[in-house]
PDB file of all heavy atoms in Angstrom:
ATOM      1  N   ASP A   1     179.205 -18.700 -85.509  1.00  0.00           N
ATOM      2  CA  ASP A   1     179.095 -19.435 -86.752  1.00  0.00           C
ATOM      3  C   ASP A   1     177.653 -19.446 -87.223  1.00  0.00           C
ATOM      4  O   ASP A   1     176.736 -19.779 -86.471  1.00  0.00           O
ATOM      5  CB  ASP A   1     179.599 -20.864 -86.583  1.00  0.00           C
ATOM      6  CG  ASP A   1     181.099 -20.944 -86.379  1.00  0.00           C
ATOM      7  OD1 ASP A   1     181.816 -20.044 -86.861  1.00  0.00           O
ATOM      8  OD2 ASP A   1     181.552 -21.915 -85.747  1.00  0.00           O
ATOM      9  N   SER A   2     177.471 -19.099 -88.478  1.00  0.00           N
ATOM     10  CA  SER A   2     176.126 -18.979 -89.022  1.00  0.00           C
ATOM     11  C   SER A   2     175.386 -20.306 -89.108  1.00  0.00           C
ATOM     12  O   SER A   2     174.162 -20.316 -89.233  1.00  0.00           O
ATOM     13  CB  SER A   2     176.167 -18.316 -90.402  1.00  0.00           C
ATOM     14  OG  SER A   2     176.914 -19.107 -91.312  1.00  0.00           O
ATOM     15  N   ILE A   3     176.102 -21.411 -89.035  1.00  0.00           N
ATOM     16  CA  ILE A   3     175.454 -22.713 -89.130  1.00  0.00           C
ATOM     17  C   ILE A   3     174.737 -23.105 -87.841  1.00  0.00           C
ATOM     18  O   ILE A   3     173.915 -24.016 -87.850  1.00  0.00           O
ATOM     19  CB  ILE A   3     176.450 -23.822 -89.495  1.00  0.00           C
ATOM     20  CG1 ILE A   3     177.517 -23.974 -88.419  1.00  0.00           C
ATOM     21  CG2 ILE A   3     177.077 -23.544 -90.854  1.00  0.00           C
ATOM     22  CD1 ILE A   3     178.415 -25.189 -88.624  1.00  0.00           C
ATOM     23  N   TYR A   4     175.035 -22.439 -86.746  1.00  0.00           N
ATOM     24  CA  TYR A   4     174.457 -22.791 -85.457  1.00  0.00           C
ATOM     25  C   TYR A   4     173.162 -22.047 -85.200  1.00  0.00           C
ATOM     26  O   TYR A   4     173.086 -20.831 -85.365  1.00  0.00           O
ATOM     27  CB  TYR A   4     175.435 -22.483 -84.326  1.00  0.00           C
ATOM     28  CG  TYR A   4     176.661 -23.362 -84.299  1.00  0.00           C
ATOM     29  CD1 TYR A   4     177.920 -22.813 -84.507  1.00  0.00           C
ATOM     30  CD2 TYR A   4     176.553 -24.724 -84.074  1.00  0.00           C
ATOM     31  CE1 TYR A   4     179.056 -23.612 -84.480  1.00  0.00           C
ATOM     32  CE2 TYR A   4     177.681 -25.525 -84.052  1.00  0.00           C
ATOM     33  CZ  TYR A   4     178.930 -24.963 -84.255  1.00  0.00           C
ATOM     34  OH  TYR A   4     180.045 -25.758 -84.228  1.00  0.00           O
ATOM     35  N   ALA A   5     172.155 -22.788 -84.765  1.00  0.00           N
ATOM     36  CA  ALA A   5     170.980 -22.149 -84.210  1.00  0.00           C
ATOM     37  C   ALA A   5     171.353 -21.520 -82.868  1.00  0.00           C
ATOM     38  O   ALA A   5     172.181 -22.052 -82.129  1.00  0.00           O
ATOM     39  CB  ALA A   5     169.850 -23.159 -84.031  1.00  0.00           C
ATOM     40  N   MET A   6     170.742 -20.382 -82.565  1.00  0.00           N
ATOM     41  CA  MET A   6     171.001 -19.679 -81.321  1.00  0.00           C
ATOM     42  C   MET A   6     169.726 -19.582 -80.499  1.00  0.00           C
ATOM     43  O   MET A   6     168.618 -19.637 -81.040  1.00  0.00           O
ATOM     44  CB  MET A   6     171.546 -18.276 -81.604  1.00  0.00           C
ATOM     45  CG  MET A   6     172.920 -18.267 -82.239  1.00  0.00           C
ATOM     46  SD  MET A   6     174.206 -18.895 -81.115  1.00  0.00           S
ATOM     47  CE  MET A   6     174.110 -17.696 -79.775  1.00  0.00           C
ATOM     48  N   ALA A   7     169.895 -19.433 -79.211  1.00  0.00           N
ATOM     49  CA  ALA A   7     168.735 -19.412 -78.329  1.00  0.00           C
ATOM     50  C   ALA A   7     168.945 -18.473 -77.154  1.00  0.00           C
ATOM     51  O   ALA A   7     170.077 -18.149 -76.781  1.00  0.00           O
ATOM     52  CB  ALA A   7     168.437 -20.824 -77.811  1.00  0.00           C
ATOM     53  N   TRP A   8     167.838 -18.046 -76.589  1.00  0.00           N
ATOM     54  CA  TRP A   8     167.808 -17.332 -75.322  1.00  0.00           C
ATOM     55  C   TRP A   8     167.241 -18.258 -74.256  1.00  0.00           C
ATOM     56  O   TRP A   8     166.307 -19.022 -74.514  1.00  0.00           O
ATOM     57  CB  TRP A   8     166.961 -16.062 -75.406  1.00  0.00           C
ATOM     58  CG  TRP A   8     167.643 -14.929 -76.098  1.00  0.00           C
ATOM     59  CD1 TRP A   8     167.556 -14.594 -77.416  1.00  0.00           C
ATOM     60  CD2 TRP A   8     168.512 -13.956 -75.500  1.00  0.00           C
ATOM     61  NE1 TRP A   8     168.319 -13.488 -77.683  1.00  0.00           N
ATOM     62  CE2 TRP A   8     168.917 -13.072 -76.519  1.00  0.00           C
ATOM     63  CE3 TRP A   8     168.984 -13.753 -74.205  1.00  0.00           C
ATOM     64  CZ2 TRP A   8     169.771 -11.998 -76.285  1.00  0.00           C
ATOM     65  CZ3 TRP A   8     169.840 -12.684 -73.974  1.00  0.00           C
ATOM     66  CH2 TRP A   8     170.223 -11.826 -75.004  1.00  0.00           C
ATOM     67  N   TYR A   9     167.807 -18.158 -73.068  1.00  0.00           N
ATOM     68  CA  TYR A   9     167.369 -18.896 -71.895  1.00  0.00           C
ATOM     69  C   TYR A   9     167.182 -17.907 -70.756  1.00  0.00           C
ATOM     70  O   TYR A   9     167.670 -16.784 -70.816  1.00  0.00           O
ATOM     71  CB  TYR A   9     168.401 -19.955 -71.494  1.00  0.00           C
ATOM     72  CG  TYR A   9     168.760 -20.919 -72.602  1.00  0.00           C
ATOM     73  CD1 TYR A   9     169.692 -20.572 -73.576  1.00  0.00           C
ATOM     74  CD2 TYR A   9     168.166 -22.176 -72.675  1.00  0.00           C
ATOM     75  CE1 TYR A   9     170.026 -21.450 -74.595  1.00  0.00           C
ATOM     76  CE2 TYR A   9     168.493 -23.061 -73.693  1.00  0.00           C
ATOM     77  CZ  TYR A   9     169.423 -22.689 -74.637  1.00  0.00           C
ATOM     78  OH  TYR A   9     169.747 -23.569 -75.646  1.00  0.00           O
ATOM     79  N   ARG A  10     166.483 -18.328 -69.715  1.00  0.00           N
ATOM     80  CA  ARG A  10     166.342 -17.469 -68.552  1.00  0.00           C
ATOM     81  C   ARG A  10     166.292 -18.314 -67.284  1.00  0.00           C
ATOM     82  O   ARG A  10     165.919 -19.480 -67.310  1.00  0.00           O
ATOM     83  CB  ARG A  10     165.099 -16.580 -68.649  1.00  0.00           C
ATOM     84  CG  ARG A  10     163.772 -17.324 -68.598  1.00  0.00           C
ATOM     85  CD  ARG A  10     162.619 -16.367 -68.870  1.00  0.00           C
ATOM     86  NE  ARG A  10     161.330 -17.034 -68.791  1.00  0.00           N
ATOM     87  CZ  ARG A  10     160.177 -16.461 -69.106  1.00  0.00           C
ATOM     88  NH1 ARG A  10     160.147 -15.198 -69.533  1.00  0.00           N
ATOM     89  NH2 ARG A  10     159.036 -17.149 -69.004  1.00  0.00           N
ATOM     90  N   GLN A  11     166.675 -17.696 -66.187  1.00  0.00           N
ATOM     91  CA  GLN A  11     166.653 -18.354 -64.898  1.00  0.00           C
ATOM     92  C   GLN A  11     166.091 -17.392 -63.861  1.00  0.00           C
ATOM     93  O   GLN A  11     166.683 -16.354 -63.580  1.00  0.00           O
ATOM     94  CB  GLN A  11     168.053 -18.822 -64.491  1.00  0.00           C
ATOM     95  CG  GLN A  11     168.076 -19.659 -63.226  1.00  0.00           C
ATOM     96  CD  GLN A  11     169.410 -20.334 -62.998  1.00  0.00           C
ATOM     97  OE1 GLN A  11     170.443 -19.876 -63.490  1.00  0.00           O
ATOM     98  NE2 GLN A  11     169.404 -21.424 -62.259  1.00  0.00           N
ATOM     99  N   ALA A  12     164.942 -17.744 -63.318  1.00  0.00           N
ATOM    100  CA  ALA A  12     164.306 -16.954 -62.277  1.00  0.00           C
ATOM    101  C   ALA A  12     164.889 -17.338 -60.924  1.00  0.00           C
ATOM    102  O   ALA A  12     165.451 -18.429 -60.763  1.00  0.00           O
ATOM    103  CB  ALA A  12     162.798 -17.171 -62.296  1.00  0.00           C
ATOM    104  N   PRO A  13     164.757 -16.463 -59.924  1.00  0.00           N
ATOM    105  CA  PRO A  13     165.290 -16.783 -58.593  1.00  0.00           C
ATOM    106  C   PRO A  13     164.746 -18.101 -58.062  1.00  0.00           C
ATOM    107  O   PRO A  13     163.536 -18.331 -58.061  1.00  0.00           O
ATOM    108  CB  PRO A  13     164.822 -15.606 -57.740  1.00  0.00           C
ATOM    109  CG  PRO A  13     164.671 -14.480 -58.709  1.00  0.00           C
ATOM    110  CD  PRO A  13     164.161 -15.122 -59.975  1.00  0.00           C
ATOM    111  N   GLY A  14     165.641 -18.969 -57.628  1.00  0.00           N
ATOM    112  CA  GLY A  14     165.248 -20.247 -57.068  1.00  0.00           C
ATOM    113  C   GLY A  14     164.762 -21.267 -58.070  1.00  0.00           C
ATOM    114  O   GLY A  14     164.306 -22.344 -57.664  1.00  0.00           O
ATOM    115  N   LYS A  15     164.843 -20.962 -59.356  1.00  0.00           N
ATOM    116  CA  LYS A  15     164.353 -21.856 -60.396  1.00  0.00           C
ATOM    117  C   LYS A  15     165.489 -22.326 -61.294  1.00  0.00           C
ATOM    118  O   LYS A  15     166.570 -21.743 -61.319  1.00  0.00           O
ATOM    119  CB  LYS A  15     163.284 -21.168 -61.249  1.00  0.00           C
ATOM    120  CG  LYS A  15     162.115 -20.605 -60.470  1.00  0.00           C
ATOM    121  CD  LYS A  15     161.306 -21.700 -59.798  1.00  0.00           C
ATOM    122  CE  LYS A  15     160.093 -21.121 -59.093  1.00  0.00           C
ATOM    123  NZ  LYS A  15     159.297 -22.177 -58.414  1.00  0.00           N
ATOM    124  N   GLN A  16     165.222 -23.395 -62.042  1.00  0.00           N
ATOM    125  CA  GLN A  16     166.184 -23.884 -63.014  1.00  0.00           C
ATOM    126  C   GLN A  16     166.166 -23.018 -64.270  1.00  0.00           C
ATOM    127  O   GLN A  16     165.175 -22.354 -64.570  1.00  0.00           O
ATOM    128  CB  GLN A  16     165.874 -25.336 -63.388  1.00  0.00           C
ATOM    129  CG  GLN A  16     166.008 -26.319 -62.244  1.00  0.00           C
ATOM    130  CD  GLN A  16     165.752 -27.750 -62.680  1.00  0.00           C
ATOM    131  OE1 GLN A  16     165.621 -28.041 -63.866  1.00  0.00           O
ATOM    132  NE2 GLN A  16     165.690 -28.642 -61.720  1.00  0.00           N
ATOM    133  N   ARG A  17     167.261 -23.032 -65.002  1.00  0.00           N
ATOM    134  CA  ARG A  17     167.319 -22.323 -66.259  1.00  0.00           C
ATOM    135  C   ARG A  17     166.356 -22.967 -67.256  1.00  0.00           C
ATOM    136  O   ARG A  17     166.265 -24.193 -67.343  1.00  0.00           O
ATOM    137  CB  ARG A  17     168.749 -22.347 -66.813  1.00  0.00           C
ATOM    138  CG  ARG A  17     168.934 -21.439 -67.997  1.00  0.00           C
ATOM    139  CD  ARG A  17     170.371 -21.348 -68.526  1.00  0.00           C
ATOM    140  NE  ARG A  17     171.368 -22.088 -67.812  1.00  0.00           N
ATOM    141  CZ  ARG A  17     172.397 -21.559 -67.176  1.00  0.00           C
ATOM    142  NH1 ARG A  17     172.558 -20.238 -67.137  1.00  0.00           N
ATOM    143  NH2 ARG A  17     173.286 -22.334 -66.582  1.00  0.00           N
ATOM    144  N   GLU A  18     165.620 -22.152 -68.000  1.00  0.00           N
ATOM    145  CA  GLU A  18     164.669 -22.652 -68.971  1.00  0.00           C
ATOM    146  C   GLU A  18     164.896 -22.010 -70.335  1.00  0.00           C
ATOM    147  O   GLU A  18     165.357 -20.874 -70.439  1.00  0.00           O
ATOM    148  CB  GLU A  18     163.222 -22.400 -68.517  1.00  0.00           C
ATOM    149  CG  GLU A  18     162.841 -20.923 -68.435  1.00  0.00           C
ATOM    150  CD  GLU A  18     161.376 -20.706 -68.090  1.00  0.00           C
ATOM    151  OE1 GLU A  18     160.583 -21.662 -68.139  1.00  0.00           O
ATOM    152  OE2 GLU A  18     161.018 -19.553 -67.758  1.00  0.00           O
ATOM    153  N   TRP A  19     164.550 -22.744 -71.371  1.00  0.00           N
ATOM    154  CA  TRP A  19     164.650 -22.260 -72.725  1.00  0.00           C
ATOM    155  C   TRP A  19     163.513 -21.290 -73.028  1.00  0.00           C
ATOM    156  O   TRP A  19     162.375 -21.508 -72.614  1.00  0.00           O
ATOM    157  CB  TRP A  19     164.611 -23.442 -73.700  1.00  0.00           C
ATOM    158  CG  TRP A  19     164.416 -23.046 -75.129  1.00  0.00           C
ATOM    159  CD1 TRP A  19     165.348 -22.511 -75.963  1.00  0.00           C
ATOM    160  CD2 TRP A  19     163.205 -23.165 -75.877  1.00  0.00           C
ATOM    161  NE1 TRP A  19     164.789 -22.282 -77.203  1.00  0.00           N
ATOM    162  CE2 TRP A  19     163.487 -22.678 -77.175  1.00  0.00           C
ATOM    163  CE3 TRP A  19     161.929 -23.636 -75.588  1.00  0.00           C
ATOM    164  CZ2 TRP A  19     162.514 -22.650 -78.173  1.00  0.00           C
ATOM    165  CZ3 TRP A  19     160.966 -23.606 -76.586  1.00  0.00           C
ATOM    166  CH2 TRP A  19     161.267 -23.117 -77.860  1.00  0.00           C
ATOM    167  N   VAL A  20     163.820 -20.230 -73.764  1.00  0.00           N
ATOM    168  CA  VAL A  20     162.849 -19.183 -74.067  1.00  0.00           C
ATOM    169  C   VAL A  20     162.544 -19.103 -75.556  1.00  0.00           C
ATOM    170  O   VAL A  20     161.378 -19.064 -75.962  1.00  0.00           O
ATOM    171  CB  VAL A  20     163.338 -17.810 -73.570  1.00  0.00           C
ATOM    172  CG1 VAL A  20     162.407 -16.692 -74.027  1.00  0.00           C
ATOM    173  CG2 VAL A  20     163.456 -17.819 -72.043  1.00  0.00           C
ATOM    174  N   ALA A  21     163.579 -19.028 -76.403  1.00  0.00           N
ATOM    175  CA  ALA A  21     163.378 -18.814 -77.827  1.00  0.00           C
ATOM    176  C   ALA A  21     164.581 -19.317 -78.604  1.00  0.00           C
ATOM    177  O   ALA A  21     165.691 -19.374 -78.080  1.00  0.00           O
ATOM    178  CB  ALA A  21     163.148 -17.329 -78.129  1.00  0.00           C
ATOM    179  N   ARG A  22     164.352 -19.652 -79.865  1.00  0.00           N
ATOM    180  CA  ARG A  22     165.394 -20.184 -80.730  1.00  0.00           C
ATOM    181  C   ARG A  22     165.276 -19.582 -82.116  1.00  0.00           C
ATOM    182  O   ARG A  22     164.166 -19.338 -82.592  1.00  0.00           O
ATOM    183  CB  ARG A  22     165.264 -21.712 -80.825  1.00  0.00           C
ATOM    184  CG  ARG A  22     166.225 -22.398 -81.773  1.00  0.00           C
ATOM    185  CD  ARG A  22     165.872 -23.876 -81.927  1.00  0.00           C
ATOM    186  NE  ARG A  22     166.005 -24.593 -80.660  1.00  0.00           N
ATOM    187  CZ  ARG A  22     164.986 -25.115 -79.985  1.00  0.00           C
ATOM    188  NH1 ARG A  22     163.751 -25.011 -80.451  1.00  0.00           N
ATOM    189  NH2 ARG A  22     165.209 -25.753 -78.847  1.00  0.00           N
ATOM    190  N   VAL A  23     166.403 -19.343 -82.764  1.00  0.00           N
ATOM    191  CA  VAL A  23     166.421 -18.930 -84.158  1.00  0.00           C
ATOM    192  C   VAL A  23     167.472 -19.764 -84.886  1.00  0.00           C
ATOM    193  O   VAL A  23     168.609 -19.877 -84.434  1.00  0.00           O
ATOM    194  CB  VAL A  23     166.680 -17.416 -84.322  1.00  0.00           C
ATOM    195  CG1 VAL A  23     167.994 -16.989 -83.672  1.00  0.00           C
ATOM    196  CG2 VAL A  23     166.648 -17.026 -85.792  1.00  0.00           C
ATOM    197  N   THR A  24     167.097 -20.364 -86.004  1.00  0.00           N
ATOM    198  CA  THR A  24     168.006 -21.213 -86.758  1.00  0.00           C
ATOM    199  C   THR A  24     168.881 -20.381 -87.674  1.00  0.00           C
ATOM    200  O   THR A  24     168.705 -19.173 -87.826  1.00  0.00           O
ATOM    201  CB  THR A  24     167.233 -22.246 -87.585  1.00  0.00           C
ATOM    202  OG1 THR A  24     166.583 -21.574 -88.674  1.00  0.00           O
ATOM    203  CG2 THR A  24     166.205 -22.977 -86.747  1.00  0.00           C
ATOM    204  N   SER A  25     169.843 -21.052 -88.316  1.00  0.00           N
ATOM    205  CA  SER A  25     170.708 -20.376 -89.272  1.00  0.00           C
ATOM    206  C   SER A  25     169.919 -19.813 -90.440  1.00  0.00           C
ATOM    207  O   SER A  25     170.351 -18.845 -91.064  1.00  0.00           O
ATOM    208  CB  SER A  25     171.783 -21.336 -89.782  1.00  0.00           C
ATOM    209  OG  SER A  25     171.202 -22.464 -90.425  1.00  0.00           O
ATOM    210  N   GLY A  26     168.778 -20.408 -90.734  1.00  0.00           N
ATOM    211  CA  GLY A  26     167.922 -19.938 -91.808  1.00  0.00           C
ATOM    212  C   GLY A  26     166.873 -18.937 -91.378  1.00  0.00           C
ATOM    213  O   GLY A  26     166.047 -18.526 -92.195  1.00  0.00           O
ATOM    214  N   GLY A  27     166.889 -18.546 -90.105  1.00  0.00           N
ATOM    215  CA  GLY A  27     165.962 -17.537 -89.628  1.00  0.00           C
ATOM    216  C   GLY A  27     164.636 -18.071 -89.129  1.00  0.00           C
ATOM    217  O   GLY A  27     163.741 -17.287 -88.806  1.00  0.00           O
ATOM    218  N   VAL A  28     164.487 -19.384 -89.056  1.00  0.00           N
ATOM    219  CA  VAL A  28     163.267 -19.956 -88.516  1.00  0.00           C
ATOM    220  C   VAL A  28     163.282 -19.831 -86.997  1.00  0.00           C
ATOM    221  O   VAL A  28     164.286 -20.127 -86.352  1.00  0.00           O
ATOM    222  CB  VAL A  28     163.113 -21.425 -88.934  1.00  0.00           C
ATOM    223  CG1 VAL A  28     161.864 -22.037 -88.311  1.00  0.00           C
ATOM    224  CG2 VAL A  28     163.072 -21.544 -90.446  1.00  0.00           C
ATOM    225  N   THR A  29     162.182 -19.384 -86.424  1.00  0.00           N
ATOM    226  CA  THR A  29     162.106 -19.144 -84.991  1.00  0.00           C
ATOM    227  C   THR A  29     161.069 -20.034 -84.331  1.00  0.00           C
ATOM    228  O   THR A  29     160.107 -20.477 -84.965  1.00  0.00           O
ATOM    229  CB  THR A  29     161.756 -17.682 -84.693  1.00  0.00           C
ATOM    230  OG1 THR A  29     160.472 -17.370 -85.251  1.00  0.00           O
ATOM    231  CG2 THR A  29     162.799 -16.747 -85.287  1.00  0.00           C
ATOM    232  N   ASN A  30     161.275 -20.297 -83.054  1.00  0.00           N
ATOM    233  CA  ASN A  30     160.254 -20.917 -82.239  1.00  0.00           C
ATOM    234  C   ASN A  30     160.437 -20.467 -80.797  1.00  0.00           C
ATOM    235  O   ASN A  30     161.510 -20.013 -80.406  1.00  0.00           O
ATOM    236  CB  ASN A  30     160.228 -22.442 -82.375  1.00  0.00           C
ATOM    237  CG  ASN A  30     161.514 -23.102 -81.943  1.00  0.00           C
ATOM    238  OD1 ASN A  30     162.615 -22.698 -82.322  1.00  0.00           O
ATOM    239  ND2 ASN A  30     161.377 -24.167 -81.150  1.00  0.00           N
ATOM    240  N   TYR A  31     159.361 -20.597 -80.013  1.00  0.00           N
ATOM    241  CA  TYR A  31     159.300 -19.983 -78.700  1.00  0.00           C
ATOM    242  C   TYR A  31     158.658 -20.902 -77.678  1.00  0.00           C
ATOM    243  O   TYR A  31     157.825 -21.748 -78.017  1.00  0.00           O
ATOM    244  CB  TYR A  31     158.484 -18.690 -78.762  1.00  0.00           C
ATOM    245  CG  TYR A  31     159.023 -17.682 -79.742  1.00  0.00           C
ATOM    246  CD1 TYR A  31     158.597 -17.678 -81.065  1.00  0.00           C
ATOM    247  CD2 TYR A  31     159.968 -16.743 -79.348  1.00  0.00           C
ATOM    248  CE1 TYR A  31     159.109 -16.758 -81.975  1.00  0.00           C
ATOM    249  CE2 TYR A  31     160.480 -15.824 -80.247  1.00  0.00           C
ATOM    250  CZ  TYR A  31     160.044 -15.835 -81.557  1.00  0.00           C
ATOM    251  OH  TYR A  31     160.550 -14.920 -82.453  1.00  0.00           O
ATOM    252  N   ALA A  32     159.039 -20.700 -76.438  1.00  0.00           N
ATOM    253  CA  ALA A  32     158.332 -21.344 -75.351  1.00  0.00           C
ATOM    254  C   ALA A  32     156.903 -20.809 -75.299  1.00  0.00           C
ATOM    255  O   ALA A  32     156.641 -19.653 -75.637  1.00  0.00           O
ATOM    256  CB  ALA A  32     159.033 -21.085 -74.024  1.00  0.00           C
ATOM    257  N   ASP A  33     155.975 -21.657 -74.876  1.00  0.00           N
ATOM    258  CA  ASP A  33     154.575 -21.247 -74.825  1.00  0.00           C
ATOM    259  C   ASP A  33     154.374 -19.988 -73.980  1.00  0.00           C
ATOM    260  O   ASP A  33     153.508 -19.164 -74.277  1.00  0.00           O
ATOM    261  CB  ASP A  33     153.710 -22.375 -74.278  1.00  0.00           C
ATOM    262  CG  ASP A  33     153.540 -23.520 -75.254  1.00  0.00           C
ATOM    263  OD1 ASP A  33     153.804 -23.328 -76.454  1.00  0.00           O
ATOM    264  OD2 ASP A  33     153.139 -24.611 -74.809  1.00  0.00           O
ATOM    265  N   SER A  34     155.172 -19.836 -72.947  1.00  0.00           N
ATOM    266  CA  SER A  34     155.001 -18.728 -72.027  1.00  0.00           C
ATOM    267  C   SER A  34     155.306 -17.368 -72.642  1.00  0.00           C
ATOM    268  O   SER A  34     154.889 -16.344 -72.100  1.00  0.00           O
ATOM    269  CB  SER A  34     155.874 -18.935 -70.787  1.00  0.00           C
ATOM    270  OG  SER A  34     157.237 -19.033 -71.142  1.00  0.00           O
ATOM    271  N   VAL A  35     156.029 -17.344 -73.764  1.00  0.00           N
ATOM    272  CA  VAL A  35     156.415 -16.068 -74.373  1.00  0.00           C
ATOM    273  C   VAL A  35     155.898 -15.896 -75.794  1.00  0.00           C
ATOM    274  O   VAL A  35     156.125 -14.840 -76.399  1.00  0.00           O
ATOM    275  CB  VAL A  35     157.944 -15.872 -74.358  1.00  0.00           C
ATOM    276  CG1 VAL A  35     158.491 -16.038 -72.950  1.00  0.00           C
ATOM    277  CG2 VAL A  35     158.630 -16.825 -75.327  1.00  0.00           C
ATOM    278  N   LYS A  36     155.206 -16.876 -76.333  1.00  0.00           N
ATOM    279  CA  LYS A  36     154.694 -16.778 -77.695  1.00  0.00           C
ATOM    280  C   LYS A  36     153.794 -15.559 -77.855  1.00  0.00           C
ATOM    281  O   LYS A  36     152.937 -15.290 -77.023  1.00  0.00           O
ATOM    282  CB  LYS A  36     153.917 -18.041 -78.068  1.00  0.00           C
ATOM    283  CG  LYS A  36     154.781 -19.235 -78.403  1.00  0.00           C
ATOM    284  CD  LYS A  36     153.932 -20.442 -78.788  1.00  0.00           C
ATOM    285  CE  LYS A  36     154.799 -21.635 -79.127  1.00  0.00           C
ATOM    286  NZ  LYS A  36     153.991 -22.839 -79.433  1.00  0.00           N
ATOM    287  N   GLY A  37     154.015 -14.840 -78.944  1.00  0.00           N
ATOM    288  CA  GLY A  37     153.229 -13.650 -79.227  1.00  0.00           C
ATOM    289  C   GLY A  37     153.735 -12.401 -78.544  1.00  0.00           C
ATOM    290  O   GLY A  37     153.246 -11.308 -78.834  1.00  0.00           O
ATOM    291  N   ARG A  38     154.697 -12.543 -77.639  1.00  0.00           N
ATOM    292  CA  ARG A  38     155.219 -11.399 -76.908  1.00  0.00           C
ATOM    293  C   ARG A  38     156.700 -11.144 -77.174  1.00  0.00           C
ATOM    294  O   ARG A  38     157.135  -9.995 -77.192  1.00  0.00           O
ATOM    295  CB  ARG A  38     155.016 -11.579 -75.405  1.00  0.00           C
ATOM    296  CG  ARG A  38     153.557 -11.762 -75.006  1.00  0.00           C
ATOM    297  CD  ARG A  38     153.378 -11.770 -73.494  1.00  0.00           C
ATOM    298  NE  ARG A  38     154.105 -12.872 -72.862  1.00  0.00           N
ATOM    299  CZ  ARG A  38     155.099 -12.721 -71.988  1.00  0.00           C
ATOM    300  NH1 ARG A  38     155.490 -11.506 -71.627  1.00  0.00           N
ATOM    301  NH2 ARG A  38     155.699 -13.778 -71.454  1.00  0.00           N
ATOM    302  N   PHE A  39     157.480 -12.209 -77.372  1.00  0.00           N
ATOM    303  CA  PHE A  39     158.919 -12.101 -77.589  1.00  0.00           C
ATOM    304  C   PHE A  39     159.252 -12.406 -79.041  1.00  0.00           C
ATOM    305  O   PHE A  39     158.592 -13.226 -79.685  1.00  0.00           O
ATOM    306  CB  PHE A  39     159.683 -13.086 -76.710  1.00  0.00           C
ATOM    307  CG  PHE A  39     159.674 -12.778 -75.232  1.00  0.00           C
ATOM    308  CD1 PHE A  39     158.826 -11.825 -74.690  1.00  0.00           C
ATOM    309  CD2 PHE A  39     160.528 -13.465 -74.389  1.00  0.00           C
ATOM    310  CE1 PHE A  39     158.823 -11.556 -73.330  1.00  0.00           C
ATOM    311  CE2 PHE A  39     160.540 -13.203 -73.031  1.00  0.00           C
ATOM    312  CZ  PHE A  39     159.696 -12.259 -72.499  1.00  0.00           C
TER     313      PHE A  39
END
């Protein structure tokens, strides 16, 4: 559904799942500090 913002998450071995990046229905994006400028 286009109304939902979507996101990527990741889980490293032995670690909890963490949020990586988000894109809204309008195309606005934001990123975790660890991946800003790269993803």
